[in-house]
Amino acid sequence: MVNVKKRSELNKDKQLEIIKDEEKEQQVKIIKRIVLLIIIILVASFFFILYVTEIATTKMIVKEEKVASSKITKSFHGYKIVSFSDLHNAKDEMVSETVKLINRSKPDLLLFTGDLLDGKELTTEEREKLIKELKKLSASSLKYAVLGENDTEETSLILKDVGFTILDNSYDLIYQKDDAILLMGLNSDNENLDTLLSYYNSELKNDNIYSILMMHKPDSIDDVLTRHSVDLAFAGHSHLGEVRLPLIGSLTTRNGAKKYKNGYYDINNTKFYISSGVGINVYDFRLFDRPSINLIRLNQINP
């Protein structure tokens, strides 16, 4: 009986050891899984931070579209317009990349829709570097600009120095041979719309002329469209929120960009393009909102 009992106890001890070993193995597996999960989270976090702070803020894209209208004459068929916006004292490499992409697009008309600076004064060295880089912009392009709320007199001087004409509630006629398109520039305060639209009251007006409006704040377009129709419009200011989510869009809005928060709208046949900008302003990172320039090709269609 004694031997039988001892054998039974030994079996129980072995079973307990087996159970303990299994429990230890299970614990080790759980610990390994937790460690692996932590490593995956850390690696994913690293690459996410790297993406939103570096790749998403520096890897620029060109958004190219065709715009067709019966108002576009044969002389302007294929005419290329590039719009860019909101440098906000961008880093030297971002300015260089912007200039490179613009020149590669070979625009006939180059539009800047405001906020070259961010309100801070540039040092002499910073100013000289910026001017030197912006002077590389395609010499064959006609260059026009409007100012943003952060732009100062220094901005105006820089833009004029590098060949931009500033439209401050004013307009200009862009000619190809004997044909023309109308370009209007609205300042960020939405003042003097009568001056902005004065072409339509002039003796030389052409009611069928193709019209382009450039402004800084997107929501300003409503003030203009209540007065007169426009064929094509460009704006900046919003950066499209800088942080966007699929199916949701921008997580934040700014004054002057509460209504028009996306990159494109068709408002009663007004083709309206809003730039995501070059620099950063609201956040120090971007998500699903790469810096970009807009390239628009005008196409003639038969009436």
C-alpha atoms as a PDB file:
ATOM      1  CA  MET A   1       0.000   0.000   0.000  1.00  0.00           C
ATOM      2  CA  VAL A   2       2.847   2.300   0.838  1.00  0.00           C
ATOM      3  CA  ASN A   3       4.460   1.850  -2.564  1.00  0.00           C
ATOM      4  CA  VAL A   4       1.164   2.396  -4.322  1.00  0.00           C
ATOM      5  CA  LYS A   5       0.585   5.646  -2.413  1.00  0.00           C
ATOM      6  CA  LYS A   6       4.042   6.909  -3.131  1.00  0.00           C
ATOM      7  CA  ARG A   7       3.623   6.140  -6.797  1.00  0.00           C
ATOM      8  CA  SER A   8       0.345   8.031  -6.796  1.00  0.00           C
ATOM      9  CA  GLU A   9       1.936  11.020  -5.086  1.00  0.00           C
ATOM     10  CA  LEU A  10       4.786  10.968  -7.563  1.00  0.00           C
ATOM     11  CA  ASN A  11       2.294  11.043 -10.428  1.00  0.00           C
ATOM     12  CA  LYS A  12       0.541  13.989  -8.854  1.00  0.00           C
ATOM     13  CA  ASP A  13       3.853  15.801  -8.412  1.00  0.00           C
ATOM     14  CA  LYS A  14       4.731  15.167 -12.030  1.00  0.00           C
ATOM     15  CA  GLN A  15       1.317  16.390 -13.124  1.00  0.00           C
ATOM     16  CA  LEU A  16       1.759  19.542 -11.042  1.00  0.00           C
ATOM     17  CA  GLU A  17       5.170  20.108 -12.568  1.00  0.00           C
ATOM     18  CA  ILE A  18       3.739  19.651 -16.051  1.00  0.00           C
ATOM     19  CA  ILE A  19       0.929  22.097 -15.256  1.00  0.00           C
ATOM     20  CA  LYS A  20       3.411  24.606 -13.855  1.00  0.00           C
ATOM     21  CA  ASP A  21       5.634  24.234 -16.921  1.00  0.00           C
ATOM     22  CA  GLU A  22       2.638  24.756 -19.186  1.00  0.00           C
ATOM     23  CA  GLU A  23       1.613  27.816 -17.193  1.00  0.00           C
ATOM     24  CA  LYS A  24       5.140  29.208 -17.449  1.00  0.00           C
ATOM     25  CA  GLU A  25       5.188  28.578 -21.192  1.00  0.00           C
ATOM     26  CA  GLN A  26       1.825  30.320 -21.503  1.00  0.00           C
ATOM     27  CA  GLN A  27       3.075  33.253 -19.455  1.00  0.00           C
ATOM     28  CA  VAL A  28       6.220  33.467 -21.589  1.00  0.00           C
ATOM     29  CA  LYS A  29       4.064  33.427 -24.739  1.00  0.00           C
ATOM     30  CA  ILE A  30       1.867  36.214 -23.339  1.00  0.00           C
ATOM     31  CA  ILE A  31       4.918  38.267 -22.358  1.00  0.00           C
ATOM     32  CA  LYS A  32       6.424  37.761 -25.820  1.00  0.00           C
ATOM     33  CA  ARG A  33       3.174  38.849 -27.450  1.00  0.00           C
ATOM     34  CA  ILE A  34       2.999  41.933 -25.240  1.00  0.00           C
ATOM     35  CA  VAL A  35       6.621  42.812 -25.992  1.00  0.00           C
ATOM     36  CA  LEU A  36       6.020  42.239 -29.713  1.00  0.00           C
ATOM     37  CA  LEU A  37       2.893  44.425 -29.576  1.00  0.00           C
ATOM     38  CA  ILE A  38       4.822  47.172 -27.786  1.00  0.00           C
ATOM     39  CA  ILE A  39       7.600  46.973 -30.395  1.00  0.00           C
ATOM     40  CA  ILE A  40       5.035  47.146 -33.234  1.00  0.00           C
ATOM     41  CA  ILE A  41       3.339  50.163 -31.602  1.00  0.00           C
ATOM     42  CA  LEU A  42       6.683  51.908 -31.061  1.00  0.00           C
ATOM     43  CA  VAL A  43       7.844  51.224 -34.631  1.00  0.00           C
ATOM     44  CA  ALA A  44       4.452  52.271 -36.061  1.00  0.00           C
ATOM     45  CA  SER A  45       4.505  55.418 -33.905  1.00  0.00           C
ATOM     46  CA  PHE A  46       8.016  56.237 -35.097  1.00  0.00           C
ATOM     47  CA  PHE A  47       7.083  55.882 -38.756  1.00  0.00           C
ATOM     48  CA  PHE A  48       3.803  57.751 -38.216  1.00  0.00           C
ATOM     49  CA  ILE A  49       5.624  60.664 -36.576  1.00  0.00           C
ATOM     50  CA  LEU A  50       8.262  60.529 -39.318  1.00  0.00           C
ATOM     51  CA  TYR A  51       5.525  60.614 -41.965  1.00  0.00           C
ATOM     52  CA  VAL A  52       3.407  63.454 -40.529  1.00  0.00           C
ATOM     53  CA  THR A  53       6.360  65.660 -39.583  1.00  0.00           C
ATOM     54  CA  GLU A  54       8.745  64.998 -42.471  1.00  0.00           C
ATOM     55  CA  ILE A  55       7.353  63.157 -45.489  1.00  0.00           C
ATOM     56  CA  ALA A  56       3.841  64.652 -45.389  1.00  0.00           C
ATOM     57  CA  THR A  57       5.190  68.183 -44.947  1.00  0.00           C
ATOM     58  CA  THR A  58       7.988  68.078 -47.518  1.00  0.00           C
ATOM     59  CA  LYS A  59       6.967  65.730 -50.344  1.00  0.00           C
ATOM     60  CA  MET A  60       5.081  68.079 -52.616  1.00  0.00           C
ATOM     61  CA  ILE A  61       2.638  67.043 -55.296  1.00  0.00           C
ATOM     62  CA  VAL A  62       1.208  68.688 -58.410  1.00  0.00           C
ATOM     63  CA  LYS A  63      -2.591  68.593 -58.684  1.00  0.00           C
ATOM     64  CA  GLU A  64      -3.315  68.793 -62.400  1.00  0.00           C
ATOM     65  CA  GLU A  65      -6.754  69.398 -63.921  1.00  0.00           C
ATOM     66  CA  LYS A  66      -8.280  70.457 -67.234  1.00  0.00           C
ATOM     67  CA  VAL A  67     -10.909  73.198 -67.343  1.00  0.00           C
ATOM     68  CA  ALA A  68     -13.043  73.534 -70.457  1.00  0.00           C
ATOM     69  CA  SER A  69     -15.288  76.410 -71.479  1.00  0.00           C
ATOM     70  CA  SER A  70     -16.846  77.847 -74.608  1.00  0.00           C
ATOM     71  CA  LYS A  71     -15.488  81.226 -73.441  1.00  0.00           C
ATOM     72  CA  ILE A  72     -11.909  80.018 -73.858  1.00  0.00           C
ATOM     73  CA  THR A  73     -10.706  81.125 -77.263  1.00  0.00           C
ATOM     74  CA  LYS A  74      -8.412  79.200 -79.582  1.00  0.00           C
ATOM     75  CA  SER A  75      -5.484  81.406 -78.511  1.00  0.00           C
ATOM     76  CA  PHE A  76      -5.852  80.189 -74.917  1.00  0.00           C
ATOM     77  CA  HIS A  77      -6.433  76.521 -75.712  1.00  0.00           C
ATOM     78  CA  GLY A  78      -3.781  74.600 -73.750  1.00  0.00           C
ATOM     79  CA  TYR A  79      -2.885  77.675 -71.676  1.00  0.00           C
ATOM     80  CA  LYS A  80      -1.319  76.574 -68.382  1.00  0.00           C
ATOM     81  CA  ILE A  81      -2.039  78.239 -65.035  1.00  0.00           C
ATOM     82  CA  VAL A  82      -0.158  77.326 -61.868  1.00  0.00           C
ATOM     83  CA  SER A  83      -1.433  78.453 -58.479  1.00  0.00           C
ATOM     84  CA  PHE A  84       0.532  78.172 -55.224  1.00  0.00           C
ATOM     85  CA  SER A  85       0.034  79.598 -51.772  1.00  0.00           C
ATOM     86  CA  ASP A  86       1.010  79.948 -48.113  1.00  0.00           C
ATOM     87  CA  LEU A  87       4.762  79.521 -47.927  1.00  0.00           C
ATOM     88  CA  HIS A  88       4.751  80.868 -44.351  1.00  0.00           C
ATOM     89  CA  ASN A  89       8.513  81.261 -44.191  1.00  0.00           C
ATOM     90  CA  ALA A  90       8.950  77.694 -45.433  1.00  0.00           C
ATOM     91  CA  LYS A  91      12.350  76.049 -45.106  1.00  0.00           C
ATOM     92  CA  ASP A  92      14.866  76.683 -47.874  1.00  0.00           C
ATOM     93  CA  GLU A  93      14.485  73.171 -49.278  1.00  0.00           C
ATOM     94  CA  MET A  94      10.701  73.567 -49.491  1.00  0.00           C
ATOM     95  CA  VAL A  95      11.022  76.857 -51.370  1.00  0.00           C
ATOM     96  CA  SER A  96      13.509  75.204 -53.745  1.00  0.00           C
ATOM     97  CA  GLU A  97      11.187  72.242 -54.287  1.00  0.00           C
ATOM     98  CA  THR A  98       8.271  74.599 -54.983  1.00  0.00           C
ATOM     99  CA  VAL A  99      10.284  76.546 -57.546  1.00  0.00           C
ATOM    100  CA  LYS A 100      11.443  73.305 -59.186  1.00  0.00           C
ATOM    101  CA  LEU A 101       7.911  71.910 -59.510  1.00  0.00           C
ATOM    102  CA  ILE A 102       6.542  75.188 -60.843  1.00  0.00           C
ATOM    103  CA  ASN A 103       9.283  75.501 -63.457  1.00  0.00           C
ATOM    104  CA  ARG A 104       8.814  71.865 -64.457  1.00  0.00           C
ATOM    105  CA  SER A 105       5.119  72.629 -65.085  1.00  0.00           C
ATOM    106  CA  LYS A 106       6.090  75.474 -67.455  1.00  0.00           C
ATOM    107  CA  PRO A 107       3.152  77.755 -66.622  1.00  0.00           C
ATOM    108  CA  ASP A 108       1.991  80.552 -68.883  1.00  0.00           C
ATOM    109  CA  LEU A 109       0.413  82.264 -65.887  1.00  0.00           C
ATOM    110  CA  LEU A 110       1.673  81.942 -62.299  1.00  0.00           C
ATOM    111  CA  LEU A 111      -0.593  82.932 -59.413  1.00  0.00           C
ATOM    112  CA  PHE A 112       0.367  83.310 -55.752  1.00  0.00           C
ATOM    113  CA  THR A 113      -2.597  83.511 -53.378  1.00  0.00           C
ATOM    114  CA  GLY A 114      -1.025  84.973 -50.267  1.00  0.00           C
ATOM    115  CA  ASP A 115       0.932  84.475 -47.032  1.00  0.00           C
ATOM    116  CA  LEU A 116       4.473  84.402 -48.310  1.00  0.00           C
ATOM    117  CA  LEU A 117       5.621  85.165 -44.766  1.00  0.00           C
ATOM    118  CA  ASP A 118       4.128  84.427 -41.354  1.00  0.00           C
ATOM    119  CA  GLY A 119       4.276  87.907 -39.848  1.00  0.00           C
ATOM    120  CA  LYS A 120       7.856  87.613 -38.571  1.00  0.00           C
ATOM    121  CA  GLU A 121      10.568  89.857 -39.930  1.00  0.00           C
ATOM    122  CA  LEU A 122      13.234  88.159 -41.994  1.00  0.00           C
ATOM    123  CA  THR A 123      16.909  88.556 -41.337  1.00  0.00           C
ATOM    124  CA  THR A 124      18.940  90.043 -44.167  1.00  0.00           C
ATOM    125  CA  GLU A 125      20.343  86.595 -44.964  1.00  0.00           C
ATOM    126  CA  GLU A 126      16.878  84.965 -44.986  1.00  0.00           C
ATOM    127  CA  ARG A 127      15.503  87.697 -47.218  1.00  0.00           C
ATOM    128  CA  GLU A 128      18.368  87.396 -49.710  1.00  0.00           C
ATOM    129  CA  LYS A 129      18.038  83.590 -49.860  1.00  0.00           C
ATOM    130  CA  LEU A 130      14.281  83.811 -50.459  1.00  0.00           C
ATOM    131  CA  ILE A 131      14.619  86.419 -53.190  1.00  0.00           C
ATOM    132  CA  LYS A 132      17.433  84.502 -54.874  1.00  0.00           C
ATOM    133  CA  GLU A 133      15.313  81.326 -54.987  1.00  0.00           C
ATOM    134  CA  LEU A 134      12.078  83.003 -56.109  1.00  0.00           C
ATOM    135  CA  LYS A 135      13.936  84.761 -58.924  1.00  0.00           C
ATOM    136  CA  LYS A 136      14.504  81.307 -60.422  1.00  0.00           C
ATOM    137  CA  LEU A 137      10.786  81.036 -61.183  1.00  0.00           C
ATOM    138  CA  SER A 138      10.096  80.685 -64.893  1.00  0.00           C
ATOM    139  CA  ALA A 139      10.976  83.963 -66.588  1.00  0.00           C
ATOM    140  CA  SER A 140       8.472  83.317 -69.374  1.00  0.00           C
ATOM    141  CA  SER A 141       5.501  83.234 -66.974  1.00  0.00           C
ATOM    142  CA  LEU A 142       3.252  86.156 -66.198  1.00  0.00           C
ATOM    143  CA  LYS A 143       3.256  86.414 -62.410  1.00  0.00           C
ATOM    144  CA  TYR A 144       0.483  87.823 -60.229  1.00  0.00           C
ATOM    145  CA  ALA A 145      -0.168  87.779 -56.486  1.00  0.00           C
ATOM    146  CA  VAL A 146      -2.600  88.765 -53.781  1.00  0.00           C
ATOM    147  CA  LEU A 147      -1.602  89.291 -50.158  1.00  0.00           C
ATOM    148  CA  GLY A 148      -2.684  87.273 -47.125  1.00  0.00           C
ATOM    149  CA  GLU A 149      -3.406  88.451 -43.599  1.00  0.00           C
ATOM    150  CA  ASN A 150       0.153  87.587 -42.509  1.00  0.00           C
ATOM    151  CA  ASP A 151       1.824  89.495 -45.325  1.00  0.00           C
ATOM    152  CA  THR A 152       3.455  92.837 -44.647  1.00  0.00           C
ATOM    153  CA  GLU A 153       5.017  95.615 -46.670  1.00  0.00           C
ATOM    154  CA  GLU A 154       8.143  93.459 -46.742  1.00  0.00           C
ATOM    155  CA  THR A 155       6.150  90.784 -48.589  1.00  0.00           C
ATOM    156  CA  SER A 156       5.035  93.292 -51.217  1.00  0.00           C
ATOM    157  CA  LEU A 157       8.618  94.415 -51.777  1.00  0.00           C
ATOM    158  CA  ILE A 158       9.866  90.824 -52.124  1.00  0.00           C
ATOM    159  CA  LEU A 159       7.095  89.815 -54.539  1.00  0.00           C
ATOM    160  CA  LYS A 160       7.657  92.874 -56.713  1.00  0.00           C
ATOM    161  CA  ASP A 161      11.412  92.301 -56.634  1.00  0.00           C
ATOM    162  CA  VAL A 162      10.977  88.762 -58.032  1.00  0.00           C
ATOM    163  CA  GLY A 163       8.583  89.842 -60.780  1.00  0.00           C
ATOM    164  CA  PHE A 164       5.058  89.558 -59.373  1.00  0.00           C
ATOM    165  CA  THR A 165       2.319  92.106 -60.016  1.00  0.00           C
ATOM    166  CA  ILE A 166       0.144  92.489 -56.908  1.00  0.00           C
ATOM    167  CA  LEU A 167      -3.574  92.792 -57.566  1.00  0.00           C
ATOM    168  CA  ASP A 168      -5.189  94.631 -54.644  1.00  0.00           C
ATOM    169  CA  ASN A 169      -8.898  94.742 -55.481  1.00  0.00           C
ATOM    170  CA  SER A 170      -7.877  95.332 -59.068  1.00  0.00           C
ATOM    171  CA  TYR A 171      -7.752  93.520 -62.380  1.00  0.00           C
ATOM    172  CA  ASP A 172      -5.594  93.025 -65.441  1.00  0.00           C
ATOM    173  CA  LEU A 173      -6.186  91.723 -68.934  1.00  0.00           C
ATOM    174  CA  ILE A 174      -4.013  88.813 -70.068  1.00  0.00           C
ATOM    175  CA  TYR A 175      -3.512  88.747 -73.840  1.00  0.00           C
ATOM    176  CA  GLN A 176      -2.732  85.967 -76.291  1.00  0.00           C
ATOM    177  CA  LYS A 177      -2.612  87.496 -79.782  1.00  0.00           C
ATOM    178  CA  ASP A 178      -5.786  89.588 -79.987  1.00  0.00           C
ATOM    179  CA  ASP A 179      -7.718  87.598 -77.376  1.00  0.00           C
ATOM    180  CA  ALA A 180      -7.824  88.295 -73.652  1.00  0.00           C
ATOM    181  CA  ILE A 181      -8.856  86.750 -70.349  1.00  0.00           C
ATOM    182  CA  LEU A 182      -9.750  88.780 -67.267  1.00  0.00           C
ATOM    183  CA  LEU A 183      -7.734  88.295 -64.075  1.00  0.00           C
ATOM    184  CA  MET A 184      -9.028  89.830 -60.829  1.00  0.00           C
ATOM    185  CA  GLY A 185      -7.327  89.918 -57.439  1.00  0.00           C
ATOM    186  CA  LEU A 186      -9.280  90.321 -54.174  1.00  0.00           C
ATOM    187  CA  ASN A 187      -7.455  91.440 -51.052  1.00  0.00           C
ATOM    188  CA  SER A 188      -7.932  89.572 -47.773  1.00  0.00           C
ATOM    189  CA  ASP A 189     -10.241  92.263 -46.324  1.00  0.00           C
ATOM    190  CA  ASN A 190     -12.892  91.937 -49.056  1.00  0.00           C
ATOM    191  CA  GLU A 191     -12.912  95.695 -49.546  1.00  0.00           C
ATOM    192  CA  ASN A 192     -13.791  97.722 -52.635  1.00  0.00           C
ATOM    193  CA  LEU A 193     -15.625  95.106 -54.667  1.00  0.00           C
ATOM    194  CA  ASP A 194     -16.693  97.917 -56.970  1.00  0.00           C
ATOM    195  CA  THR A 195     -13.034  98.443 -57.874  1.00  0.00           C
ATOM    196  CA  LEU A 196     -12.458  94.700 -58.236  1.00  0.00           C
ATOM    197  CA  LEU A 197     -15.351  94.372 -60.677  1.00  0.00           C
ATOM    198  CA  SER A 198     -14.818  97.704 -62.403  1.00  0.00           C
ATOM    199  CA  TYR A 199     -13.941  96.017 -65.722  1.00  0.00           C
ATOM    200  CA  TYR A 200     -17.596  95.139 -66.182  1.00  0.00           C
ATOM    201  CA  ASN A 201     -18.504  98.833 -66.024  1.00  0.00           C
ATOM    202  CA  SER A 202     -15.794  99.934 -68.428  1.00  0.00           C
ATOM    203  CA  GLU A 203     -16.411 100.931 -72.023  1.00  0.00           C
ATOM    204  CA  LEU A 204     -14.104  98.155 -73.261  1.00  0.00           C
ATOM    205  CA  LYS A 205     -15.883  95.354 -71.417  1.00  0.00           C
ATOM    206  CA  ASN A 206     -16.571  92.047 -73.138  1.00  0.00           C
ATOM    207  CA  ASP A 207     -19.472  90.234 -71.485  1.00  0.00           C
ATOM    208  CA  ASN A 208     -18.226  86.909 -72.853  1.00  0.00           C
ATOM    209  CA  ILE A 209     -14.646  87.248 -71.631  1.00  0.00           C
ATOM    210  CA  TYR A 210     -13.224  84.308 -69.648  1.00  0.00           C
ATOM    211  CA  SER A 211     -12.737  85.489 -66.048  1.00  0.00           C
ATOM    212  CA  ILE A 212     -10.364  84.341 -63.323  1.00  0.00           C
ATOM    213  CA  LEU A 213     -10.526  85.411 -59.677  1.00  0.00           C
ATOM    214  CA  MET A 214      -7.678  85.005 -57.200  1.00  0.00           C
ATOM    215  CA  MET A 215      -8.069  85.615 -53.466  1.00  0.00           C
ATOM    216  CA  HIS A 216      -6.516  84.521 -50.208  1.00  0.00           C
ATOM    217  CA  LYS A 217      -9.500  83.476 -48.059  1.00  0.00           C
ATOM    218  CA  PRO A 218     -11.827  80.927 -49.717  1.00  0.00           C
ATOM    219  CA  ASP A 219     -15.052  82.142 -48.097  1.00  0.00           C
ATOM    220  CA  SER A 220     -14.530  85.530 -49.743  1.00  0.00           C
ATOM    221  CA  ILE A 221     -15.765  84.101 -53.025  1.00  0.00           C
ATOM    222  CA  ASP A 222     -19.401  84.408 -51.952  1.00  0.00           C
ATOM    223  CA  ASP A 223     -19.085  88.188 -51.681  1.00  0.00           C
ATOM    224  CA  VAL A 224     -17.914  88.329 -55.290  1.00  0.00           C
ATOM    225  CA  LEU A 225     -20.372  85.805 -56.738  1.00  0.00           C
ATOM    226  CA  THR A 226     -23.332  87.694 -55.294  1.00  0.00           C
ATOM    227  CA  ARG A 227     -22.248  90.574 -57.509  1.00  0.00           C
ATOM    228  CA  HIS A 228     -20.973  88.866 -60.657  1.00  0.00           C
ATOM    229  CA  SER A 229     -20.260  85.410 -62.083  1.00  0.00           C
ATOM    230  CA  VAL A 230     -16.693  84.128 -62.396  1.00  0.00           C
ATOM    231  CA  ASP A 231     -15.445  81.225 -64.507  1.00  0.00           C
ATOM    232  CA  LEU A 232     -12.381  80.109 -62.555  1.00  0.00           C
ATOM    233  CA  ALA A 233     -11.194  80.947 -59.028  1.00  0.00           C
ATOM    234  CA  PHE A 234      -8.193  80.235 -56.797  1.00  0.00           C
ATOM    235  CA  ALA A 235      -7.650  80.647 -53.048  1.00  0.00           C
ATOM    236  CA  GLY A 236      -5.305  79.603 -50.251  1.00  0.00           C
ATOM    237  CA  HIS A 237      -5.351  80.356 -46.512  1.00  0.00           C
ATOM    238  CA  SER A 238      -6.949  77.155 -45.191  1.00  0.00           C
ATOM    239  CA  HIS A 239      -4.138  74.696 -45.985  1.00  0.00           C
ATOM    240  CA  LEU A 240      -7.186  72.392 -46.320  1.00  0.00           C
ATOM    241  CA  GLY A 241      -6.878  71.941 -42.555  1.00  0.00           C
ATOM    242  CA  GLU A 242      -3.415  70.302 -42.642  1.00  0.00           C
ATOM    243  CA  VAL A 243      -4.928  67.311 -40.803  1.00  0.00           C
ATOM    244  CA  ARG A 244      -7.636  65.459 -42.741  1.00  0.00           C
ATOM    245  CA  LEU A 245      -9.327  62.082 -42.315  1.00  0.00           C
ATOM    246  CA  PRO A 246     -10.912  59.918 -45.032  1.00  0.00           C
ATOM    247  CA  LEU A 247     -14.682  60.504 -45.384  1.00  0.00           C
ATOM    248  CA  ILE A 248     -14.480  63.250 -42.736  1.00  0.00           C
ATOM    249  CA  GLY A 249     -12.141  65.807 -44.240  1.00  0.00           C
ATOM    250  CA  SER A 250     -10.555  68.639 -42.312  1.00  0.00           C
ATOM    251  CA  LEU A 251     -10.586  68.363 -38.522  1.00  0.00           C
ATOM    252  CA  THR A 252     -10.177  72.106 -38.040  1.00  0.00           C
ATOM    253  CA  THR A 253     -11.270  75.247 -39.835  1.00  0.00           C
ATOM    254  CA  ARG A 254      -9.969  78.794 -39.867  1.00  0.00           C
ATOM    255  CA  ASN A 255     -11.730  82.110 -40.071  1.00  0.00           C
ATOM    256  CA  GLY A 256     -12.213  82.836 -43.727  1.00  0.00           C
ATOM    257  CA  ALA A 257     -12.332  79.121 -44.561  1.00  0.00           C
ATOM    258  CA  LYS A 258     -15.322  77.873 -42.570  1.00  0.00           C
ATOM    259  CA  LYS A 259     -17.567  77.141 -45.553  1.00  0.00           C
ATOM    260  CA  TYR A 260     -15.121  76.055 -48.239  1.00  0.00           C
ATOM    261  CA  LYS A 261     -12.870  73.453 -46.604  1.00  0.00           C
ATOM    262  CA  ASN A 262     -12.020  71.115 -49.485  1.00  0.00           C
ATOM    263  CA  GLY A 263      -9.711  71.433 -52.461  1.00  0.00           C
ATOM    264  CA  TYR A 264     -12.337  71.876 -55.176  1.00  0.00           C
ATOM    265  CA  TYR A 265     -15.872  73.205 -55.623  1.00  0.00           C
ATOM    266  CA  ASP A 266     -18.147  73.856 -58.568  1.00  0.00           C
ATOM    267  CA  ILE A 267     -20.313  76.825 -57.587  1.00  0.00           C
ATOM    268  CA  ASN A 268     -22.876  77.484 -60.302  1.00  0.00           C
ATOM    269  CA  ASN A 269     -20.260  76.727 -62.993  1.00  0.00           C
ATOM    270  CA  THR A 270     -17.472  78.571 -61.174  1.00  0.00           C
ATOM    271  CA  LYS A 271     -14.549  76.148 -60.968  1.00  0.00           C
ATOM    272  CA  PHE A 272     -13.005  76.881 -57.573  1.00  0.00           C
ATOM    273  CA  TYR A 273      -9.588  75.490 -56.527  1.00  0.00           C
ATOM    274  CA  ILE A 274      -8.267  75.899 -52.969  1.00  0.00           C
ATOM    275  CA  SER A 275      -4.591  75.240 -52.314  1.00  0.00           C
ATOM    276  CA  SER A 276      -3.273  73.025 -49.540  1.00  0.00           C
ATOM    277  CA  GLY A 277      -0.319  75.415 -49.378  1.00  0.00           C
ATOM    278  CA  VAL A 278       3.406  74.882 -49.243  1.00  0.00           C
ATOM    279  CA  GLY A 279       4.355  75.652 -45.643  1.00  0.00           C
ATOM    280  CA  ILE A 280       2.689  74.756 -42.349  1.00  0.00           C
ATOM    281  CA  ASN A 281       0.798  77.065 -40.048  1.00  0.00           C
ATOM    282  CA  VAL A 282      -1.921  75.529 -37.856  1.00  0.00           C
ATOM    283  CA  TYR A 283       0.112  72.461 -36.856  1.00  0.00           C
ATOM    284  CA  ASP A 284       3.748  71.449 -37.232  1.00  0.00           C
ATOM    285  CA  PHE A 285       2.694  68.405 -39.227  1.00  0.00           C
ATOM    286  CA  ARG A 286       0.296  67.232 -41.949  1.00  0.00           C
ATOM    287  CA  LEU A 287      -1.908  64.171 -42.332  1.00  0.00           C
ATOM    288  CA  PHE A 288      -3.566  63.177 -45.625  1.00  0.00           C
ATOM    289  CA  ASP A 289      -2.900  66.723 -46.828  1.00  0.00           C
ATOM    290  CA  ARG A 290       0.382  66.948 -48.708  1.00  0.00           C
ATOM    291  CA  PRO A 291       1.759  70.365 -49.703  1.00  0.00           C
ATOM    292  CA  SER A 292       0.941  71.020 -53.331  1.00  0.00           C
ATOM    293  CA  ILE A 293       0.591  73.345 -56.280  1.00  0.00           C
ATOM    294  CA  ASN A 294      -2.368  73.422 -58.684  1.00  0.00           C
ATOM    295  CA  LEU A 295      -1.806  73.139 -62.425  1.00  0.00           C
ATOM    296  CA  ILE A 296      -4.812  74.009 -64.585  1.00  0.00           C
ATOM    297  CA  ARG A 297      -4.921  73.619 -68.369  1.00  0.00           C
ATOM    298  CA  LEU A 298      -7.512  75.687 -70.226  1.00  0.00           C
ATOM    299  CA  ASN A 299      -9.357  73.889 -73.002  1.00  0.00           C
ATOM    300  CA  GLN A 300     -11.559  75.394 -75.673  1.00  0.00           C
ATOM    301  CA  ILE A 301     -14.859  73.695 -76.398  1.00  0.00           C
ATOM    302  CA  ASN A 302     -17.366  74.558 -79.087  1.00  0.00           C
ATOM    303  CA  PRO A 303     -20.381  76.544 -77.842  1.00  0.00           C
END
